[in-house]
Amino acid sequence: MTLDAGQACSFPLRVDVTGAPQVNKVFDGVDGRVRFLSAGKGSDLVFTDLAAGKTFTLAGNGTVSWTTIDASGSARITVSGHNVLIYFPTDIPAGPSTTLVAGREDIAVDLATFKFTRLSRTGHTTDICAALS
């Protein structure tokens, strides 16, 4: 995956993903909500600053993601473990940012625009854009 400068970092960023498959399950609720679970070791990731050629590598280290979509079409994502989250300039908080979160983050998603809004974050973070600078 390649992202232009200003999308995920101030420079063009490539992300190479390899490794562990996730376990994925779908749960249909009687109230019309659908919940998606994705869990597993996580993938190995290599981030490359395409302007400078510098790389930053992360080994898969365990991740769980719950996505809940309610009958009205709103969504909420809750991630825990080790997850890389990319916020774009249209998100709240506004990016560009690419961050490893070792902890938990709750995100509301506007499904019409796919705009993310961070609701909460706990744990340790690593700014991947800064690590590449």
C-alpha atoms as a PDB file:
ATOM      1  CA  MET A   1       0.000   0.000   0.000  1.00  0.00           C
ATOM      2  CA  THR A   2       1.358   3.417  -0.926  1.00  0.00           C
ATOM      3  CA  LEU A   3      -0.028   6.665   0.497  1.00  0.00           C
ATOM      4  CA  ASP A   4       0.737  10.094  -0.927  1.00  0.00           C
ATOM      5  CA  ALA A   5       2.485  12.779   1.123  1.00  0.00           C
ATOM      6  CA  GLY A   6      -0.009  14.401   3.484  1.00  0.00           C
ATOM      7  CA  GLN A   7      -2.263  11.354   3.812  1.00  0.00           C
ATOM      8  CA  ALA A   8      -0.579   9.179   6.485  1.00  0.00           C
ATOM      9  CA  CYS A   9       2.632  11.172   7.077  1.00  0.00           C
ATOM     10  CA  SER A  10       4.025  14.432   5.689  1.00  0.00           C
ATOM     11  CA  PHE A  11       6.008  12.324   3.193  1.00  0.00           C
ATOM     12  CA  PRO A  12       4.910   9.544   0.821  1.00  0.00           C
ATOM     13  CA  LEU A  13       4.608   6.303   2.821  1.00  0.00           C
ATOM     14  CA  ARG A  14       4.672   2.704   1.653  1.00  0.00           C
ATOM     15  CA  VAL A  15       3.460  -0.074   3.949  1.00  0.00           C
ATOM     16  CA  ASP A  16       4.428  -3.674   3.157  1.00  0.00           C
ATOM     17  CA  VAL A  17       2.356  -6.307   4.973  1.00  0.00           C
ATOM     18  CA  THR A  18       3.315  -9.974   5.396  1.00  0.00           C
ATOM     19  CA  GLY A  19       2.516 -12.775   7.746  1.00  0.00           C
ATOM     20  CA  ALA A  20      -0.086 -14.138  10.046  1.00  0.00           C
ATOM     21  CA  PRO A  21      -3.669 -14.681   8.958  1.00  0.00           C
ATOM     22  CA  GLN A  22      -6.387 -13.418  11.272  1.00  0.00           C
ATOM     23  CA  VAL A  23      -9.359 -15.320  12.655  1.00  0.00           C
ATOM     24  CA  ASN A  24     -12.489 -13.559  11.424  1.00  0.00           C
ATOM     25  CA  LYS A  25     -16.026 -14.131  12.716  1.00  0.00           C
ATOM     26  CA  VAL A  26     -19.385 -12.424  12.189  1.00  0.00           C
ATOM     27  CA  PHE A  27     -22.091 -12.199  14.860  1.00  0.00           C
ATOM     28  CA  ASP A  28     -25.652 -11.112  13.978  1.00  0.00           C
ATOM     29  CA  GLY A  29     -27.548  -9.506  16.850  1.00  0.00           C
ATOM     30  CA  VAL A  30     -31.303  -9.726  17.329  1.00  0.00           C
ATOM     31  CA  ASP A  31     -31.361  -5.917  17.592  1.00  0.00           C
ATOM     32  CA  GLY A  32     -30.111  -5.543  13.992  1.00  0.00           C
ATOM     33  CA  ARG A  33     -26.491  -4.915  14.950  1.00  0.00           C
ATOM     34  CA  VAL A  34     -23.744  -6.887  13.254  1.00  0.00           C
ATOM     35  CA  ARG A  35     -20.409  -7.436  15.010  1.00  0.00           C
ATOM     36  CA  PHE A  36     -17.213  -8.450  13.245  1.00  0.00           C
ATOM     37  CA  LEU A  37     -14.282  -9.940  15.157  1.00  0.00           C
ATOM     38  CA  SER A  38     -10.759 -10.112  13.779  1.00  0.00           C
ATOM     39  CA  ALA A  39      -8.013 -11.494  16.021  1.00  0.00           C
ATOM     40  CA  GLY A  40      -4.608 -13.104  15.780  1.00  0.00           C
ATOM     41  CA  LYS A  41      -0.879 -12.616  15.899  1.00  0.00           C
ATOM     42  CA  GLY A  42      -0.977  -9.672  13.542  1.00  0.00           C
ATOM     43  CA  SER A  43       1.058  -9.015  10.434  1.00  0.00           C
ATOM     44  CA  ASP A  44       4.699  -8.035  10.072  1.00  0.00           C
ATOM     45  CA  LEU A  45       4.873  -4.475   8.722  1.00  0.00           C
ATOM     46  CA  VAL A  46       7.608  -2.508   6.973  1.00  0.00           C
ATOM     47  CA  PHE A  47       7.041   1.247   6.651  1.00  0.00           C
ATOM     48  CA  THR A  48       9.124   3.137   4.092  1.00  0.00           C
ATOM     49  CA  ASP A  49       9.541   6.898   3.787  1.00  0.00           C
ATOM     50  CA  LEU A  50       9.617   6.989  -0.007  1.00  0.00           C
ATOM     51  CA  ALA A  51      11.223  10.463  -0.047  1.00  0.00           C
ATOM     52  CA  ALA A  52      14.200   9.508   2.152  1.00  0.00           C
ATOM     53  CA  GLY A  53      14.302   5.729   1.671  1.00  0.00           C
ATOM     54  CA  LYS A  54      14.316   5.120   5.450  1.00  0.00           C
ATOM     55  CA  THR A  55      12.435   2.098   6.837  1.00  0.00           C
ATOM     56  CA  PHE A  56      10.793   1.160  10.152  1.00  0.00           C
ATOM     57  CA  THR A  57       9.818  -2.463  10.858  1.00  0.00           C
ATOM     58  CA  LEU A  58       7.250  -3.958  13.243  1.00  0.00           C
ATOM     59  CA  ALA A  59       6.784  -7.660  13.917  1.00  0.00           C
ATOM     60  CA  GLY A  60       3.245  -8.974  14.363  1.00  0.00           C
ATOM     61  CA  ASN A  61       2.521  -8.908  18.068  1.00  0.00           C
ATOM     62  CA  GLY A  62      -1.126  -9.726  18.745  1.00  0.00           C
ATOM     63  CA  THR A  63      -4.241  -7.806  17.828  1.00  0.00           C
ATOM     64  CA  VAL A  64      -7.998  -7.873  18.367  1.00  0.00           C
ATOM     65  CA  SER A  65     -10.486  -5.723  16.489  1.00  0.00           C
ATOM     66  CA  TRP A  66     -14.248  -5.533  17.051  1.00  0.00           C
ATOM     67  CA  THR A  67     -16.360  -3.640  14.518  1.00  0.00           C
ATOM     68  CA  THR A  68     -20.030  -3.075  15.355  1.00  0.00           C
ATOM     69  CA  ILE A  69     -22.495  -1.803  12.764  1.00  0.00           C
ATOM     70  CA  ASP A  70     -25.948  -0.926  14.027  1.00  0.00           C
ATOM     71  CA  ALA A  71     -29.218  -0.972  12.098  1.00  0.00           C
ATOM     72  CA  SER A  72     -28.979   2.770  11.334  1.00  0.00           C
ATOM     73  CA  GLY A  73     -25.617   2.256   9.605  1.00  0.00           C
ATOM     74  CA  SER A  74     -23.308   3.841  12.159  1.00  0.00           C
ATOM     75  CA  ALA A  75     -20.194   1.929  13.139  1.00  0.00           C
ATOM     76  CA  ARG A  76     -17.788   1.683  16.026  1.00  0.00           C
ATOM     77  CA  ILE A  77     -14.362   0.030  15.969  1.00  0.00           C
ATOM     78  CA  THR A  78     -12.584  -1.091  19.128  1.00  0.00           C
ATOM     79  CA  VAL A  79      -9.008  -2.304  18.755  1.00  0.00           C
ATOM     80  CA  SER A  80      -6.778  -3.748  21.452  1.00  0.00           C
ATOM     81  CA  GLY A  81      -3.313  -5.234  21.536  1.00  0.00           C
ATOM     82  CA  HIS A  82      -0.830  -3.879  18.979  1.00  0.00           C
ATOM     83  CA  ASN A  83      -2.483  -1.965  16.140  1.00  0.00           C
ATOM     84  CA  VAL A  84      -1.295   0.598  13.610  1.00  0.00           C
ATOM     85  CA  LEU A  85      -3.847   3.348  13.098  1.00  0.00           C
ATOM     86  CA  ILE A  86      -3.701   5.854  10.270  1.00  0.00           C
ATOM     87  CA  TYR A  87      -5.646   9.094  10.612  1.00  0.00           C
ATOM     88  CA  PHE A  88      -6.182  11.154   7.461  1.00  0.00           C
ATOM     89  CA  PRO A  89      -6.599  14.955   7.313  1.00  0.00           C
ATOM     90  CA  THR A  90     -10.406  14.512   7.216  1.00  0.00           C
ATOM     91  CA  ASP A  91     -10.481  12.477  10.453  1.00  0.00           C
ATOM     92  CA  ILE A  92     -10.761  13.622  14.086  1.00  0.00           C
ATOM     93  CA  PRO A  93      -8.128  14.202  15.260  1.00  0.00           C
ATOM     94  CA  ALA A  94      -6.952  15.357  11.872  1.00  0.00           C
ATOM     95  CA  GLY A  95      -3.979  13.586  10.358  1.00  0.00           C
ATOM     96  CA  PRO A  96      -1.753  12.891   8.725  1.00  0.00           C
ATOM     97  CA  SER A  97      -0.651  10.459  11.411  1.00  0.00           C
ATOM     98  CA  THR A  98       0.449   6.839  11.526  1.00  0.00           C
ATOM     99  CA  THR A  99       0.672   5.464  15.053  1.00  0.00           C
ATOM    100  CA  LEU A 100       1.336   2.116  16.700  1.00  0.00           C
ATOM    101  CA  VAL A 101      -1.055   1.809  19.649  1.00  0.00           C
ATOM    102  CA  ALA A 102      -0.157  -0.869  22.197  1.00  0.00           C
ATOM    103  CA  GLY A 103      -3.324  -0.683  24.231  1.00  0.00           C
ATOM    104  CA  ARG A 104      -6.903   0.118  23.262  1.00  0.00           C
ATOM    105  CA  GLU A 105      -8.604   2.617  20.985  1.00  0.00           C
ATOM    106  CA  ASP A 106     -12.306   3.246  20.325  1.00  0.00           C
ATOM    107  CA  ILE A 107     -13.292   4.874  17.036  1.00  0.00           C
ATOM    108  CA  ALA A 108     -16.635   6.051  15.628  1.00  0.00           C
ATOM    109  CA  VAL A 109     -16.951   5.710  11.865  1.00  0.00           C
ATOM    110  CA  ASP A 110     -19.261   7.696   9.606  1.00  0.00           C
ATOM    111  CA  LEU A 111     -20.047   5.057   6.996  1.00  0.00           C
ATOM    112  CA  ALA A 112     -21.249   7.627   4.458  1.00  0.00           C
ATOM    113  CA  THR A 113     -17.871   9.408   4.364  1.00  0.00           C
ATOM    114  CA  PHE A 114     -15.638   6.810   6.082  1.00  0.00           C
ATOM    115  CA  LYS A 115     -14.497   9.578   8.444  1.00  0.00           C
ATOM    116  CA  PHE A 116     -12.947   8.276  11.684  1.00  0.00           C
ATOM    117  CA  THR A 117     -13.424  10.015  15.043  1.00  0.00           C
ATOM    118  CA  ARG A 118     -11.279   8.828  17.945  1.00  0.00           C
ATOM    119  CA  LEU A 119     -13.434   8.386  21.053  1.00  0.00           C
ATOM    120  CA  SER A 120     -10.720   7.186  23.434  1.00  0.00           C
ATOM    121  CA  ARG A 121      -7.185   5.830  23.551  1.00  0.00           C
ATOM    122  CA  THR A 122      -5.226   4.144  26.337  1.00  0.00           C
ATOM    123  CA  GLY A 123      -1.815   2.523  26.370  1.00  0.00           C
ATOM    124  CA  HIS A 124       1.561   3.234  24.819  1.00  0.00           C
ATOM    125  CA  THR A 125       1.949   4.879  21.404  1.00  0.00           C
ATOM    126  CA  THR A 126       4.770   5.098  18.857  1.00  0.00           C
ATOM    127  CA  ASP A 127       4.621   7.813  16.185  1.00  0.00           C
ATOM    128  CA  ILE A 128       5.755   5.939  13.083  1.00  0.00           C
ATOM    129  CA  CYS A 129       6.099   9.123  10.998  1.00  0.00           C
ATOM    130  CA  ALA A 130       8.495  10.532  13.610  1.00  0.00           C
ATOM    131  CA  ALA A 131      10.408   7.232  13.749  1.00  0.00           C
ATOM    132  CA  LEU A 132      10.993   7.564   9.999  1.00  0.00           C
ATOM    133  CA  SER A 133      12.097  11.211  10.181  1.00  0.00           C
END
